[in-house]
Amino acid sequence: MPFFFPNELIPYCPKCGEEMNLWGRPWNFLEGEEYRASWQRAVDSIYNNKEDMQTVNTLNNGAIPELPADAIIEVNSVITKDGPKPIAVGKLPSAVKGIILQMENFEELVVQAAITGSYHDAS
């Protein structure tokens, strides 16, 4: 049976106002029982306010201080009826900081290009 998130639980992009449901992938995002079970676990946790920990894609909200608060990160989060609450991981180690900041910048350019439809915005 399909489950739909209540409107008040769906996050919206602070930049463009569009719906962001990256953290709630549909069960068929990647086929297979592991992915289906993961999706069902997240939905159950939100619906029943289980406050358990899962690794999900969510807004940074300060979990990684070097990244913008509105960056989407994959991080351990406490799953509540209000959505995921990312667990702070602290400052990035120097060995990975550069590549993560570079990737975040690249992803921001791709999103901008997708929004504007401009090839040049991605370069």
PDB file of N, CA and C in Angstrom:
ATOM      1  N   MET A   1       0.845  -1.163   0.000  1.00  0.00           N
ATOM      2  CA  MET A   1       0.000   0.000   0.000  1.00  0.00           C
ATOM      3  C   MET A   1       0.900   1.238   0.000  1.00  0.00           C
ATOM      4  N   PRO A   2       0.701   2.177  -0.896  1.00  0.00           N
ATOM      5  CA  PRO A   2       1.552   3.362  -0.929  1.00  0.00           C
ATOM      6  C   PRO A   2       1.306   4.245   0.282  1.00  0.00           C
ATOM      7  N   PHE A   3       2.355   4.916   0.700  1.00  0.00           N
ATOM      8  CA  PHE A   3       2.266   5.853   1.812  1.00  0.00           C
ATOM      9  C   PHE A   3       2.626   7.230   1.297  1.00  0.00           C
ATOM     10  N   PHE A   4       1.882   8.214   1.685  1.00  0.00           N
ATOM     11  CA  PHE A   4       2.171   9.577   1.282  1.00  0.00           C
ATOM     12  C   PHE A   4       2.498  10.388   2.522  1.00  0.00           C
ATOM     13  N   PHE A   5       3.596  11.149   2.446  1.00  0.00           N
ATOM     14  CA  PHE A   5       3.974  11.997   3.564  1.00  0.00           C
ATOM     15  C   PHE A   5       2.958  13.116   3.709  1.00  0.00           C
ATOM     16  N   PRO A   6       2.561  13.438   4.936  1.00  0.00           N
ATOM     17  CA  PRO A   6       1.698  14.599   5.129  1.00  0.00           C
ATOM     18  C   PRO A   6       2.415  15.854   4.628  1.00  0.00           C
ATOM     19  N   ASN A   7       1.693  16.780   4.054  1.00  0.00           N
ATOM     20  CA  ASN A   7       2.286  17.994   3.482  1.00  0.00           C
ATOM     21  C   ASN A   7       3.203  18.724   4.452  1.00  0.00           C
ATOM     22  N   GLU A   8       2.833  18.766   5.726  1.00  0.00           N
ATOM     23  CA  GLU A   8       3.643  19.516   6.681  1.00  0.00           C
ATOM     24  C   GLU A   8       4.995  18.858   6.963  1.00  0.00           C
ATOM     25  N   LEU A   9       5.187  17.615   6.534  1.00  0.00           N
ATOM     26  CA  LEU A   9       6.470  16.944   6.740  1.00  0.00           C
ATOM     27  C   LEU A   9       7.389  17.026   5.527  1.00  0.00           C
ATOM     28  N   ILE A  10       6.900  17.542   4.419  1.00  0.00           N
ATOM     29  CA  ILE A  10       7.715  17.618   3.213  1.00  0.00           C
ATOM     30  C   ILE A  10       8.539  18.903   3.254  1.00  0.00           C
ATOM     31  N   PRO A  11       9.865  18.775   3.216  1.00  0.00           N
ATOM     32  CA  PRO A  11      10.695  19.986   3.252  1.00  0.00           C
ATOM     33  C   PRO A  11      10.671  20.695   1.903  1.00  0.00           C
ATOM     34  N   TYR A  12      10.910  21.990   1.945  1.00  0.00           N
ATOM     35  CA  TYR A  12      10.946  22.788   0.728  1.00  0.00           C
ATOM     36  C   TYR A  12      12.305  23.462   0.625  1.00  0.00           C
ATOM     37  N   CYS A  13      12.793  23.595  -0.584  1.00  0.00           N
ATOM     38  CA  CYS A  13      14.086  24.215  -0.840  1.00  0.00           C
ATOM     39  C   CYS A  13      14.040  25.666  -0.382  1.00  0.00           C
ATOM     40  N   PRO A  14      14.980  26.066   0.470  1.00  0.00           N
ATOM     41  CA  PRO A  14      14.971  27.454   0.934  1.00  0.00           C
ATOM     42  C   PRO A  14      15.345  28.449  -0.157  1.00  0.00           C
ATOM     43  N   LYS A  15      15.922  27.970  -1.261  1.00  0.00           N
ATOM     44  CA  LYS A  15      16.326  28.869  -2.337  1.00  0.00           C
ATOM     45  C   LYS A  15      15.220  29.082  -3.363  1.00  0.00           C
ATOM     46  N   CYS A  16      14.579  27.974  -3.790  1.00  0.00           N
ATOM     47  CA  CYS A  16      13.593  28.115  -4.869  1.00  0.00           C
ATOM     48  C   CYS A  16      12.159  27.820  -4.429  1.00  0.00           C
ATOM     49  N   GLY A  17      11.981  27.273  -3.231  1.00  0.00           N
ATOM     50  CA  GLY A  17      10.646  26.983  -2.729  1.00  0.00           C
ATOM     51  C   GLY A  17      10.038  25.684  -3.246  1.00  0.00           C
ATOM     52  N   GLU A  18      10.777  24.953  -4.086  1.00  0.00           N
ATOM     53  CA  GLU A  18      10.262  23.692  -4.618  1.00  0.00           C
ATOM     54  C   GLU A  18      10.303  22.597  -3.558  1.00  0.00           C
ATOM     55  N   GLU A  19       9.421  21.624  -3.696  1.00  0.00           N
ATOM     56  CA  GLU A  19       9.355  20.495  -2.792  1.00  0.00           C
ATOM     57  C   GLU A  19      10.648  19.689  -2.859  1.00  0.00           C
ATOM     58  N   MET A  20      11.186  19.351  -1.687  1.00  0.00           N
ATOM     59  CA  MET A  20      12.377  18.513  -1.613  1.00  0.00           C
ATOM     60  C   MET A  20      12.002  17.232  -0.891  1.00  0.00           C
ATOM     61  N   ASN A  21      11.967  16.145  -1.590  1.00  0.00           N
ATOM     62  CA  ASN A  21      11.692  14.883  -0.914  1.00  0.00           C
ATOM     63  C   ASN A  21      12.806  13.880  -1.154  1.00  0.00           C
ATOM     64  N   LEU A  22      14.048  14.381  -1.187  1.00  0.00           N
ATOM     65  CA  LEU A  22      15.189  13.503  -1.373  1.00  0.00           C
ATOM     66  C   LEU A  22      15.353  12.529  -0.218  1.00  0.00           C
ATOM     67  N   TRP A  23      14.989  12.975   0.982  1.00  0.00           N
ATOM     68  CA  TRP A  23      15.169  12.127   2.151  1.00  0.00           C
ATOM     69  C   TRP A  23      14.100  11.050   2.254  1.00  0.00           C
ATOM     70  N   GLY A  24      13.069  11.120   1.457  1.00  0.00           N
ATOM     71  CA  GLY A  24      12.013  10.118   1.485  1.00  0.00           C
ATOM     72  C   GLY A  24      11.892   9.445   0.133  1.00  0.00           C
ATOM     73  N   ARG A  25      12.891   8.689  -0.247  1.00  0.00           N
ATOM     74  CA  ARG A  25      12.872   8.044  -1.559  1.00  0.00           C
ATOM     75  C   ARG A  25      11.688   7.093  -1.661  1.00  0.00           C
ATOM     76  N   PRO A  26      11.078   7.003  -2.836  1.00  0.00           N
ATOM     77  CA  PRO A  26      10.011   6.014  -3.006  1.00  0.00           C
ATOM     78  C   PRO A  26      10.591   4.611  -2.912  1.00  0.00           C
ATOM     79  N   TRP A  27       9.766   3.657  -2.519  1.00  0.00           N
ATOM     80  CA  TRP A  27      10.263   2.302  -2.297  1.00  0.00           C
ATOM     81  C   TRP A  27      10.877   1.687  -3.547  1.00  0.00           C
ATOM     82  N   ASN A  28      10.502   2.160  -4.729  1.00  0.00           N
ATOM     83  CA  ASN A  28      11.062   1.574  -5.943  1.00  0.00           C
ATOM     84  C   ASN A  28      12.207   2.404  -6.514  1.00  0.00           C
ATOM     85  N   PHE A  29      12.783   3.333  -5.699  1.00  0.00           N
ATOM     86  CA  PHE A  29      13.916   4.146  -6.158  1.00  0.00           C
ATOM     87  C   PHE A  29      15.014   3.235  -6.706  1.00  0.00           C
ATOM     88  N   LEU A  30      15.391   2.272  -5.958  1.00  0.00           N
ATOM     89  CA  LEU A  30      16.280   1.204  -6.421  1.00  0.00           C
ATOM     90  C   LEU A  30      15.572  -0.089  -6.059  1.00  0.00           C
ATOM     91  N   GLU A  31      15.398  -0.934  -7.022  1.00  0.00           N
ATOM     92  CA  GLU A  31      14.655  -2.165  -6.771  1.00  0.00           C
ATOM     93  C   GLU A  31      15.421  -3.069  -5.821  1.00  0.00           C
ATOM     94  N   GLY A  32      14.712  -3.857  -5.088  1.00  0.00           N
ATOM     95  CA  GLY A  32      15.323  -4.824  -4.196  1.00  0.00           C
ATOM     96  C   GLY A  32      14.782  -4.698  -2.788  1.00  0.00           C
ATOM     97  N   GLU A  33      14.818  -5.801  -2.083  1.00  0.00           N
ATOM     98  CA  GLU A  33      14.259  -5.850  -0.738  1.00  0.00           C
ATOM     99  C   GLU A  33      14.986  -4.940   0.237  1.00  0.00           C
ATOM    100  N   GLU A  34      16.310  -4.788   0.085  1.00  0.00           N
ATOM    101  CA  GLU A  34      17.065  -3.934   1.006  1.00  0.00           C
ATOM    102  C   GLU A  34      16.582  -2.494   0.926  1.00  0.00           C
ATOM    103  N   TYR A  35      16.387  -1.991  -0.284  1.00  0.00           N
ATOM    104  CA  TYR A  35      15.933  -0.622  -0.454  1.00  0.00           C
ATOM    105  C   TYR A  35      14.484  -0.457  -0.019  1.00  0.00           C
ATOM    106  N   ARG A  36      13.669  -1.433  -0.329  1.00  0.00           N
ATOM    107  CA  ARG A  36      12.264  -1.379   0.091  1.00  0.00           C
ATOM    108  C   ARG A  36      12.175  -1.378   1.616  1.00  0.00           C
ATOM    109  N   ALA A  37      12.957  -2.226   2.263  1.00  0.00           N
ATOM    110  CA  ALA A  37      12.951  -2.290   3.722  1.00  0.00           C
ATOM    111  C   ALA A  37      13.434  -0.973   4.326  1.00  0.00           C
ATOM    112  N   SER A  38      14.447  -0.371   3.721  1.00  0.00           N
ATOM    113  CA  SER A  38      14.967   0.914   4.191  1.00  0.00           C
ATOM    114  C   SER A  38      13.896   1.990   4.088  1.00  0.00           C
ATOM    115  N   TRP A  39      13.214   2.039   2.955  1.00  0.00           N
ATOM    116  CA  TRP A  39      12.145   3.029   2.748  1.00  0.00           C
ATOM    117  C   TRP A  39      11.024   2.814   3.756  1.00  0.00           C
ATOM    118  N   GLN A  40      10.615   1.562   3.939  1.00  0.00           N
ATOM    119  CA  GLN A  40       9.533   1.268   4.878  1.00  0.00           C
ATOM    120  C   GLN A  40       9.921   1.617   6.310  1.00  0.00           C
ATOM    121  N   ARG A  41      11.187   1.385   6.662  1.00  0.00           N
ATOM    122  CA  ARG A  41      11.676   1.723   8.002  1.00  0.00           C
ATOM    123  C   ARG A  41      11.598   3.240   8.230  1.00  0.00           C
ATOM    124  N   ALA A  42      11.983   4.022   7.229  1.00  0.00           N
ATOM    125  CA  ALA A  42      11.929   5.487   7.351  1.00  0.00           C
ATOM    126  C   ALA A  42      10.495   5.968   7.484  1.00  0.00           C
ATOM    127  N   VAL A  43       9.597   5.452   6.664  1.00  0.00           N
ATOM    128  CA  VAL A  43       8.189   5.847   6.713  1.00  0.00           C
ATOM    129  C   VAL A  43       7.593   5.475   8.067  1.00  0.00           C
ATOM    130  N   ASP A  44       7.881   4.271   8.543  1.00  0.00           N
ATOM    131  CA  ASP A  44       7.365   3.820   9.836  1.00  0.00           C
ATOM    132  C   ASP A  44       7.886   4.711  10.963  1.00  0.00           C
ATOM    133  N   SER A  45       9.147   5.082  10.892  1.00  0.00           N
ATOM    134  CA  SER A  45       9.744   5.933  11.926  1.00  0.00           C
ATOM    135  C   SER A  45       9.109   7.313  11.956  1.00  0.00           C
ATOM    136  N   ILE A  46       8.845   7.875  10.785  1.00  0.00           N
ATOM    137  CA  ILE A  46       8.207   9.193  10.729  1.00  0.00           C
ATOM    138  C   ILE A  46       6.766   9.097  11.218  1.00  0.00           C
ATOM    139  N   TYR A  47       6.034   8.150  10.677  1.00  0.00           N
ATOM    140  CA  TYR A  47       4.621   8.025  10.991  1.00  0.00           C
ATOM    141  C   TYR A  47       4.385   7.739  12.476  1.00  0.00           C
ATOM    142  N   ASN A  48       5.253   6.893  13.064  1.00  0.00           N
ATOM    143  CA  ASN A  48       5.091   6.493  14.458  1.00  0.00           C
ATOM    144  C   ASN A  48       6.020   7.238  15.420  1.00  0.00           C
ATOM    145  N   ASN A  49       6.725   8.250  14.911  1.00  0.00           N
ATOM    146  CA  ASN A  49       7.621   9.073  15.732  1.00  0.00           C
ATOM    147  C   ASN A  49       8.557   8.220  16.583  1.00  0.00           C
ATOM    148  N   LYS A  50       9.234   7.278  15.947  1.00  0.00           N
ATOM    149  CA  LYS A  50      10.066   6.320  16.681  1.00  0.00           C
ATOM    150  C   LYS A  50      11.357   6.915  17.230  1.00  0.00           C
ATOM    151  N   GLU A  51      11.822   8.009  16.640  1.00  0.00           N
ATOM    152  CA  GLU A  51      13.059   8.649  17.062  1.00  0.00           C
ATOM    153  C   GLU A  51      14.237   7.682  17.061  1.00  0.00           C
ATOM    154  N   ASP A  52      14.290   6.822  16.048  1.00  0.00           N
ATOM    155  CA  ASP A  52      15.432   5.933  15.893  1.00  0.00           C
ATOM    156  C   ASP A  52      16.448   6.579  14.956  1.00  0.00           C
ATOM    157  N   MET A  53      17.630   5.991  14.880  1.00  0.00           N
ATOM    158  CA  MET A  53      18.674   6.547  14.043  1.00  0.00           C
ATOM    159  C   MET A  53      18.751   5.781  12.726  1.00  0.00           C
ATOM    160  N   GLN A  54      18.796   6.561  11.627  1.00  0.00           N
ATOM    161  CA  GLN A  54      18.951   5.999  10.288  1.00  0.00           C
ATOM    162  C   GLN A  54      19.858   6.918   9.492  1.00  0.00           C
ATOM    163  N   THR A  55      20.487   6.365   8.477  1.00  0.00           N
ATOM    164  CA  THR A  55      21.291   7.169   7.568  1.00  0.00           C
ATOM    165  C   THR A  55      20.397   7.595   6.413  1.00  0.00           C
ATOM    166  N   VAL A  56      20.206   8.912   6.274  1.00  0.00           N
ATOM    167  CA  VAL A  56      19.302   9.453   5.260  1.00  0.00           C
ATOM    168  C   VAL A  56      19.911  10.690   4.611  1.00  0.00           C
ATOM    169  N   ASN A  57      19.339  11.104   3.506  1.00  0.00           N
ATOM    170  CA  ASN A  57      19.690  12.376   2.872  1.00  0.00           C
ATOM    171  C   ASN A  57      18.760  13.438   3.449  1.00  0.00           C
ATOM    172  N   THR A  58      19.340  14.519   3.968  1.00  0.00           N
ATOM    173  CA  THR A  58      18.554  15.561   4.605  1.00  0.00           C
ATOM    174  C   THR A  58      19.300  16.892   4.542  1.00  0.00           C
ATOM    175  N   LEU A  59      18.638  17.953   4.964  1.00  0.00           N
ATOM    176  CA  LEU A  59      19.296  19.252   5.052  1.00  0.00           C
ATOM    177  C   LEU A  59      20.393  19.201   6.102  1.00  0.00           C
ATOM    178  N   ASN A  60      21.507  19.835   5.820  1.00  0.00           N
ATOM    179  CA  ASN A  60      22.647  19.852   6.724  1.00  0.00           C
ATOM    180  C   ASN A  60      22.298  20.446   8.090  1.00  0.00           C
ATOM    181  N   ASN A  61      21.706  21.627   8.089  1.00  0.00           N
ATOM    182  CA  ASN A  61      21.311  22.299   9.344  1.00  0.00           C
ATOM    183  C   ASN A  61      22.409  22.301  10.403  1.00  0.00           C
ATOM    184  N   GLY A  62      23.663  22.508   9.968  1.00  0.00           N
ATOM    185  CA  GLY A  62      24.769  22.624  10.911  1.00  0.00           C
ATOM    186  C   GLY A  62      25.462  21.333  11.287  1.00  0.00           C
ATOM    187  N   ALA A  63      25.010  20.201  10.775  1.00  0.00           N
ATOM    188  CA  ALA A  63      25.648  18.926  11.126  1.00  0.00           C
ATOM    189  C   ALA A  63      27.112  18.909  10.688  1.00  0.00           C
ATOM    190  N   ILE A  64      27.393  19.503   9.528  1.00  0.00           N
ATOM    191  CA  ILE A  64      28.765  19.654   9.032  1.00  0.00           C
ATOM    192  C   ILE A  64      28.993  21.155   8.902  1.00  0.00           C
ATOM    193  N   PRO A  65      29.724  21.762   9.847  1.00  0.00           N
ATOM    194  CA  PRO A  65      29.816  23.220   9.898  1.00  0.00           C
ATOM    195  C   PRO A  65      30.389  23.880   8.648  1.00  0.00           C
ATOM    196  N   GLU A  66      31.229  23.183   7.900  1.00  0.00           N
ATOM    197  CA  GLU A  66      31.833  23.786   6.709  1.00  0.00           C
ATOM    198  C   GLU A  66      30.878  23.884   5.526  1.00  0.00           C
ATOM    199  N   LEU A  67      29.751  23.206   5.590  1.00  0.00           N
ATOM    200  CA  LEU A  67      28.776  23.212   4.495  1.00  0.00           C
ATOM    201  C   LEU A  67      27.616  24.140   4.832  1.00  0.00           C
ATOM    202  N   PRO A  68      26.973  24.708   3.793  1.00  0.00           N
ATOM    203  CA  PRO A  68      25.806  25.561   4.046  1.00  0.00           C
ATOM    204  C   PRO A  68      24.693  24.791   4.758  1.00  0.00           C
ATOM    205  N   ALA A  69      23.902  25.485   5.548  1.00  0.00           N
ATOM    206  CA  ALA A  69      22.801  24.859   6.284  1.00  0.00           C
ATOM    207  C   ALA A  69      21.812  24.185   5.348  1.00  0.00           C
ATOM    208  N   ASP A  70      21.666  24.723   4.107  1.00  0.00           N
ATOM    209  CA  ASP A  70      20.682  24.161   3.178  1.00  0.00           C
ATOM    210  C   ASP A  70      21.274  23.118   2.234  1.00  0.00           C
ATOM    211  N   ALA A  71      22.531  22.717   2.451  1.00  0.00           N
ATOM    212  CA  ALA A  71      23.126  21.647   1.634  1.00  0.00           C
ATOM    213  C   ALA A  71      22.461  20.322   1.989  1.00  0.00           C
ATOM    214  N   ILE A  72      22.266  19.474   1.000  1.00  0.00           N
ATOM    215  CA  ILE A  72      21.730  18.138   1.250  1.00  0.00           C
ATOM    216  C   ILE A  72      22.904  17.210   1.518  1.00  0.00           C
ATOM    217  N   ILE A  73      22.857  16.520   2.646  1.00  0.00           N
ATOM    218  CA  ILE A  73      23.931  15.610   3.023  1.00  0.00           C
ATOM    219  C   ILE A  73      23.346  14.242   3.354  1.00  0.00           C
ATOM    220  N   GLU A  74      24.175  13.218   3.264  1.00  0.00           N
ATOM    221  CA  GLU A  74      23.780  11.890   3.723  1.00  0.00           C
ATOM    222  C   GLU A  74      24.474  11.675   5.055  1.00  0.00           C
ATOM    223  N   VAL A  75      23.673  11.541   6.114  1.00  0.00           N
ATOM    224  CA  VAL A  75      24.225  11.524   7.463  1.00  0.00           C
ATOM    225  C   VAL A  75      23.290  10.758   8.391  1.00  0.00           C
ATOM    226  N   ASN A  76      23.834  10.226   9.474  1.00  0.00           N
ATOM    227  CA  ASN A  76      22.989   9.612  10.482  1.00  0.00           C
ATOM    228  C   ASN A  76      22.076  10.685  11.059  1.00  0.00           C
ATOM    229  N   SER A  77      20.804  10.338  11.193  1.00  0.00           N
ATOM    230  CA  SER A  77      19.805  11.282  11.681  1.00  0.00           C
ATOM    231  C   SER A  77      18.825  10.561  12.596  1.00  0.00           C
ATOM    232  N   VAL A  78      18.284  11.306  13.540  1.00  0.00           N
ATOM    233  CA  VAL A  78      17.194  10.792  14.363  1.00  0.00           C
ATOM    234  C   VAL A  78      15.919  11.074  13.571  1.00  0.00           C
ATOM    235  N   ILE A  79      15.134  10.027  13.318  1.00  0.00           N
ATOM    236  CA  ILE A  79      13.929  10.153  12.502  1.00  0.00           C
ATOM    237  C   ILE A  79      12.735  10.385  13.417  1.00  0.00           C
ATOM    238  N   THR A  80      12.086  11.544  13.230  1.00  0.00           N
ATOM    239  CA  THR A  80      10.952  11.917  14.071  1.00  0.00           C
ATOM    240  C   THR A  80       9.730  12.193  13.211  1.00  0.00           C
ATOM    241  N   LYS A  81       8.614  12.457  13.858  1.00  0.00           N
ATOM    242  CA  LYS A  81       7.388  12.803  13.131  1.00  0.00           C
ATOM    243  C   LYS A  81       7.559  14.107  12.354  1.00  0.00           C
ATOM    244  N   ASP A  82       8.543  14.922  12.745  1.00  0.00           N
ATOM    245  CA  ASP A  82       8.829  16.175  12.057  1.00  0.00           C
ATOM    246  C   ASP A  82       9.904  16.015  10.989  1.00  0.00           C
ATOM    247  N   GLY A  83      10.298  14.781  10.735  1.00  0.00           N
ATOM    248  CA  GLY A  83      11.326  14.512   9.739  1.00  0.00           C
ATOM    249  C   GLY A  83      12.665  14.208  10.383  1.00  0.00           C
ATOM    250  N   PRO A  84      13.704  14.063   9.553  1.00  0.00           N
ATOM    251  CA  PRO A  84      15.015  13.710  10.093  1.00  0.00           C
ATOM    252  C   PRO A  84      15.693  14.893  10.778  1.00  0.00           C
ATOM    253  N   LYS A  85      16.368  14.607  11.881  1.00  0.00           N
ATOM    254  CA  LYS A  85      17.171  15.586  12.610  1.00  0.00           C
ATOM    255  C   LYS A  85      18.616  15.109  12.514  1.00  0.00           C
ATOM    256  N   PRO A  86      19.442  15.768  11.688  1.00  0.00           N
ATOM    257  CA  PRO A  86      20.811  15.280  11.485  1.00  0.00           C
ATOM    258  C   PRO A  86      21.646  15.355  12.759  1.00  0.00           C
ATOM    259  N   ILE A  87      22.489  14.363  12.926  1.00  0.00           N
ATOM    260  CA  ILE A  87      23.390  14.317  14.071  1.00  0.00           C
ATOM    261  C   ILE A  87      24.682  15.016  13.673  1.00  0.00           C
ATOM    262  N   ALA A  88      25.096  15.974  14.475  1.00  0.00           N
ATOM    263  CA  ALA A  88      26.306  16.739  14.172  1.00  0.00           C
ATOM    264  C   ALA A  88      27.517  15.806  14.108  1.00  0.00           C
ATOM    265  N   VAL A  89      28.294  15.975  13.055  1.00  0.00           N
ATOM    266  CA  VAL A  89      29.504  15.166  12.894  1.00  0.00           C
ATOM    267  C   VAL A  89      30.756  15.978  13.187  1.00  0.00           C
ATOM    268  N   GLY A  90      30.601  17.278  13.353  1.00  0.00           N
ATOM    269  CA  GLY A  90      31.746  18.131  13.652  1.00  0.00           C
ATOM    270  C   GLY A  90      32.504  18.520  12.400  1.00  0.00           C
ATOM    271  N   LYS A  91      33.662  19.144  12.619  1.00  0.00           N
ATOM    272  CA  LYS A  91      34.469  19.628  11.497  1.00  0.00           C
ATOM    273  C   LYS A  91      34.993  18.458  10.678  1.00  0.00           C
ATOM    274  N   LEU A  92      35.069  18.685   9.377  1.00  0.00           N
ATOM    275  CA  LEU A  92      35.586  17.665   8.464  1.00  0.00           C
ATOM    276  C   LEU A  92      37.094  17.511   8.638  1.00  0.00           C
ATOM    277  N   PRO A  93      37.601  16.283   8.587  1.00  0.00           N
ATOM    278  CA  PRO A  93      39.047  16.085   8.612  1.00  0.00           C
ATOM    279  C   PRO A  93      39.679  16.712   7.367  1.00  0.00           C
ATOM    280  N   SER A  94      40.859  17.263   7.517  1.00  0.00           N
ATOM    281  CA  SER A  94      41.545  17.921   6.401  1.00  0.00           C
ATOM    282  C   SER A  94      41.664  17.025   5.176  1.00  0.00           C
ATOM    283  N   ALA A  95      41.842  15.729   5.396  1.00  0.00           N
ATOM    284  CA  ALA A  95      42.046  14.794   4.285  1.00  0.00           C
ATOM    285  C   ALA A  95      40.838  14.700   3.358  1.00  0.00           C
ATOM    286  N   VAL A  96      39.638  14.994   3.849  1.00  0.00           N
ATOM    287  CA  VAL A  96      38.438  14.880   3.021  1.00  0.00           C
ATOM    288  C   VAL A  96      37.735  16.219   2.780  1.00  0.00           C
ATOM    289  N   LYS A  97      38.112  17.230   3.529  1.00  0.00           N
ATOM    290  CA  LYS A  97      37.418  18.516   3.452  1.00  0.00           C
ATOM    291  C   LYS A  97      37.406  19.095   2.037  1.00  0.00           C
ATOM    292  N   GLY A  98      38.550  19.102   1.368  1.00  0.00           N
ATOM    293  CA  GLY A  98      38.635  19.690   0.032  1.00  0.00           C
ATOM    294  C   GLY A  98      37.728  19.013  -0.973  1.00  0.00           C
ATOM    295  N   ILE A  99      37.743  17.696  -1.003  1.00  0.00           N
ATOM    296  CA  ILE A  99      36.938  16.964  -1.988  1.00  0.00           C
ATOM    297  C   ILE A  99      35.447  17.130  -1.698  1.00  0.00           C
ATOM    298  N   ILE A 100      35.057  17.175  -0.427  1.00  0.00           N
ATOM    299  CA  ILE A 100      33.644  17.354  -0.097  1.00  0.00           C
ATOM    300  C   ILE A 100      33.171  18.748  -0.475  1.00  0.00           C
ATOM    301  N   LEU A 101      33.977  19.763  -0.202  1.00  0.00           N
ATOM    302  CA  LEU A 101      33.595  21.126  -0.576  1.00  0.00           C
ATOM    303  C   LEU A 101      33.542  21.273  -2.095  1.00  0.00           C
ATOM    304  N   GLN A 102      34.470  20.623  -2.790  1.00  0.00           N
ATOM    305  CA  GLN A 102      34.465  20.656  -4.254  1.00  0.00           C
ATOM    306  C   GLN A 102      33.201  19.977  -4.801  1.00  0.00           C
ATOM    307  N   MET A 103      32.830  18.839  -4.241  1.00  0.00           N
ATOM    308  CA  MET A 103      31.638  18.122  -4.687  1.00  0.00           C
ATOM    309  C   MET A 103      30.380  18.937  -4.391  1.00  0.00           C
ATOM    310  N   GLU A 104      30.324  19.574  -3.231  1.00  0.00           N
ATOM    311  CA  GLU A 104      29.156  20.395  -2.891  1.00  0.00           C
ATOM    312  C   GLU A 104      29.014  21.550  -3.874  1.00  0.00           C
ATOM    313  N   ASN A 105      30.122  22.157  -4.243  1.00  0.00           N
ATOM    314  CA  ASN A 105      30.096  23.246  -5.218  1.00  0.00           C
ATOM    315  C   ASN A 105      29.639  22.737  -6.587  1.00  0.00           C
ATOM    316  N   PHE A 106      30.142  21.597  -7.002  1.00  0.00           N
ATOM    317  CA  PHE A 106      29.740  20.982  -8.268  1.00  0.00           C
ATOM    318  C   PHE A 106      28.232  20.710  -8.276  1.00  0.00           C
ATOM    319  N   GLU A 107      27.716  20.128  -7.191  1.00  0.00           N
ATOM    320  CA  GLU A 107      26.290  19.814  -7.122  1.00  0.00           C
ATOM    321  C   GLU A 107      25.443  21.086  -7.163  1.00  0.00           C
ATOM    322  N   GLU A 108      25.915  22.140  -6.532  1.00  0.00           N
ATOM    323  CA  GLU A 108      25.198  23.419  -6.560  1.00  0.00           C
ATOM    324  C   GLU A 108      25.117  23.958  -7.985  1.00  0.00           C
ATOM    325  N   LEU A 109      26.218  23.835  -8.742  1.00  0.00           N
ATOM    326  CA  LEU A 109      26.223  24.282 -10.139  1.00  0.00           C
ATOM    327  C   LEU A 109      25.267  23.461 -10.995  1.00  0.00           C
ATOM    328  N   VAL A 110      25.217  22.164 -10.756  1.00  0.00           N
ATOM    329  CA  VAL A 110      24.308  21.293 -11.514  1.00  0.00           C
ATOM    330  C   VAL A 110      22.858  21.676 -11.235  1.00  0.00           C
ATOM    331  N   VAL A 111      22.532  21.921  -9.977  1.00  0.00           N
ATOM    332  CA  VAL A 111      21.166  22.325  -9.625  1.00  0.00           C
ATOM    333  C   VAL A 111      20.833  23.657 -10.293  1.00  0.00           C
ATOM    334  N   GLN A 112      21.760  24.607 -10.241  1.00  0.00           N
ATOM    335  CA  GLN A 112      21.529  25.910 -10.871  1.00  0.00           C
ATOM    336  C   GLN A 112      21.297  25.752 -12.372  1.00  0.00           C
ATOM    337  N   ALA A 113      22.095  24.904 -13.014  1.00  0.00           N
ATOM    338  CA  ALA A 113      21.928  24.672 -14.451  1.00  0.00           C
ATOM    339  C   ALA A 113      20.572  24.029 -14.744  1.00  0.00           C
ATOM    340  N   ALA A 114      20.149  23.112 -13.884  1.00  0.00           N
ATOM    341  CA  ALA A 114      18.853  22.467 -14.083  1.00  0.00           C
ATOM    342  C   ALA A 114      17.713  23.461 -13.931  1.00  0.00           C
ATOM    343  N   ILE A 115      17.834  24.359 -12.986  1.00  0.00           N
ATOM    344  CA  ILE A 115      16.788  25.356 -12.750  1.00  0.00           C
ATOM    345  C   ILE A 115      16.702  26.345 -13.904  1.00  0.00           C
ATOM    346  N   THR A 116      17.872  26.812 -14.380  1.00  0.00           N
ATOM    347  CA  THR A 116      17.885  27.831 -15.431  1.00  0.00           C
ATOM    348  C   THR A 116      17.854  27.245 -16.827  1.00  0.00           C
ATOM    349  N   GLY A 117      18.199  25.947 -16.953  1.00  0.00           N
ATOM    350  CA  GLY A 117      18.277  25.342 -18.277  1.00  0.00           C
ATOM    351  C   GLY A 117      19.505  25.763 -19.049  1.00  0.00           C
ATOM    352  N   SER A 118      20.467  26.367 -18.359  1.00  0.00           N
ATOM    353  CA  SER A 118      21.668  26.898 -19.018  1.00  0.00           C
ATOM    354  C   SER A 118      22.850  25.952 -18.849  1.00  0.00           C
ATOM    355  N   TYR A 119      23.421  25.550 -19.965  1.00  0.00           N
ATOM    356  CA  TYR A 119      24.609  24.715 -19.950  1.00  0.00           C
ATOM    357  C   TYR A 119      25.763  25.461 -19.276  1.00  0.00           C
ATOM    358  N   HIS A 120      25.860  26.752 -19.474  1.00  0.00           N
ATOM    359  CA  HIS A 120      26.956  27.539 -18.926  1.00  0.00           C
ATOM    360  C   HIS A 120      26.916  27.663 -17.406  1.00  0.00           C
ATOM    361  N   ASP A 121      25.725  27.537 -16.825  1.00  0.00           N
ATOM    362  CA  ASP A 121      25.638  27.591 -15.372  1.00  0.00           C
ATOM    363  C   ASP A 121      26.294  26.385 -14.721  1.00  0.00           C
ATOM    364  N   ALA A 122      26.480  25.311 -15.447  1.00  0.00           N
ATOM    365  CA  ALA A 122      27.097  24.096 -14.897  1.00  0.00           C
ATOM    366  C   ALA A 122      28.602  24.089 -15.103  1.00  0.00           C
ATOM    367  N   SER A 123      29.147  25.080 -15.736  1.00  0.00           N
ATOM    368  CA  SER A 123      30.590  25.040 -16.000  1.00  0.00           C
ATOM    369  C   SER A 123      31.351  26.042 -15.165  1.00  0.00           C
TER     370      SER A 123
END
